[in-house]
Every structure is written in C-alpha cells, then in structure tokens.
Amino acid sequence: MVVRMDQKRIKLMPMTADMYRCYYKEYENDPDLFLKGQTYFSYTYSEEKADKDVQRQKDLKRITWYILRDKAPLERF
C-alpha cells in the first residue's frame, strides 16, 4: 500500500503545555499494551498530572513533537 501525503499540509512542532493538556484530556490506556501479569488501570485526567509530565519532559530536556495536518493534530491515519 502506498500512502501519499501533501508535505505542505504536514508539519512537526514542539508540544506546548496546552497541547499536552489537550492530549491527556482525551487519553485512554490501551489494555493490549499491558504485559501479561500487569494490572490494567484506566487513566483519569488531572491537570496536575499533565503539568507534572510537562515538567518532567523539560527536566529531561526532551522535546515531544506534535504532528499537524492543516494546523490540526494528526491523531489517526
């Protein structure tokens, strides 16, 4: 299968704190990603948890990139 994309429509940008919050507000744990023997737990959004993760990424000097198509987050193909 060949997927063609208009490269002018696709952009990468560093995630802002607001982008992190938006991402985590819609985040759901995927039970298929848990290893055998691990207990599945659902994720409940908390602005405090999101802010802690943002700060952790900064402390680790990591840049998390957001993929945008037409200035909107690209979440699914």
Protein backbone atom coordinates (compact mmCIF):
# COMPACT_ATOMS: atom_id res chain seq x y z
CA MET A 1 0.00 0.00 0.00
CA VAL A 2 1.28 3.46 -0.89
CA VAL A 3 0.19 6.46 1.14
CA ARG A 4 0.65 9.84 -0.48
CA MET A 5 0.65 12.96 1.59
CA ASP A 6 0.89 16.58 0.66
CA GLN A 7 4.05 17.58 2.51
CA LYS A 8 2.94 21.20 2.63
CA ARG A 9 -0.01 20.16 4.79
CA ILE A 10 2.03 18.09 7.28
CA LYS A 11 4.14 19.85 9.91
CA LEU A 12 6.00 18.99 13.11
CA MET A 13 6.02 21.34 16.06
CA PRO A 14 7.14 21.02 19.68
CA MET A 15 4.26 20.34 22.02
CA THR A 16 3.25 23.18 24.31
CA ALA A 17 1.86 22.70 27.82
CA ASP A 18 -1.63 23.39 26.41
CA MET A 19 -1.14 20.69 23.76
CA TYR A 20 -0.13 18.21 26.48
CA ARG A 21 -3.28 19.03 28.45
CA CYS A 22 -5.49 18.57 25.38
CA TYR A 23 -3.78 15.27 24.59
CA TYR A 24 -4.20 13.92 28.12
CA LYS A 25 -7.83 15.04 28.37
CA GLU A 26 -8.64 12.55 25.60
CA TYR A 27 -6.06 9.89 26.52
CA GLU A 28 -7.17 6.33 27.25
CA ASN A 29 -4.98 3.46 28.40
CA ASP A 30 -4.93 0.58 25.92
CA PRO A 31 -5.35 -2.76 27.73
CA ASP A 32 -3.48 -4.51 24.89
CA LEU A 33 -0.29 -2.63 25.83
CA PHE A 34 -0.12 -4.12 29.33
CA LEU A 35 2.16 -7.12 29.75
CA LYS A 36 0.83 -10.42 30.97
CA GLY A 37 0.57 -10.24 34.73
CA GLN A 38 0.33 -6.46 34.82
CA THR A 39 -2.83 -4.96 36.20
CA TYR A 40 -4.78 -2.79 33.77
CA PHE A 41 -5.85 0.57 35.11
CA SER A 42 -7.87 3.27 33.43
CA TYR A 43 -6.46 6.75 33.10
CA THR A 44 -8.23 9.67 34.74
CA TYR A 45 -7.26 13.16 33.59
CA SER A 46 -5.83 15.56 36.11
CA GLU A 47 -4.34 18.91 35.20
CA GLU A 48 -1.79 18.36 37.99
CA LYS A 49 -0.66 15.04 36.43
CA ALA A 50 -0.43 16.64 32.98
CA ASP A 51 1.61 19.54 34.36
CA LYS A 52 3.95 17.13 36.15
CA ASP A 53 4.55 15.27 32.89
CA VAL A 54 5.27 18.55 31.07
CA GLN A 55 7.78 19.48 33.77
CA ARG A 56 9.34 16.00 33.66
CA GLN A 57 9.89 16.32 29.91
CA LYS A 58 11.52 19.73 30.43
CA ASP A 59 13.73 18.39 33.22
CA LEU A 60 14.88 15.54 30.96
CA LYS A 61 15.50 18.08 28.17
CA ARG A 62 13.18 16.14 25.86
CA ILE A 63 11.24 17.64 23.01
CA THR A 64 7.94 15.94 22.25
CA TRP A 65 6.73 16.59 18.73
CA TYR A 66 3.17 17.02 17.59
CA ILE A 67 2.29 16.01 14.04
CA LEU A 68 -0.04 18.53 12.45
CA ARG A 69 -2.05 18.34 9.25
CA ASP A 70 -3.61 21.61 8.15
CA LYS A 71 -2.73 23.11 11.58
CA ALA A 72 -4.71 20.43 13.46
CA PRO A 73 -3.24 17.48 15.40
CA LEU A 74 -2.93 14.35 13.31
CA GLU A 75 -4.22 11.61 15.59
CA ARG A 76 -5.24 8.83 13.25
CA PHE A 77 -4.49 7.87 9.68
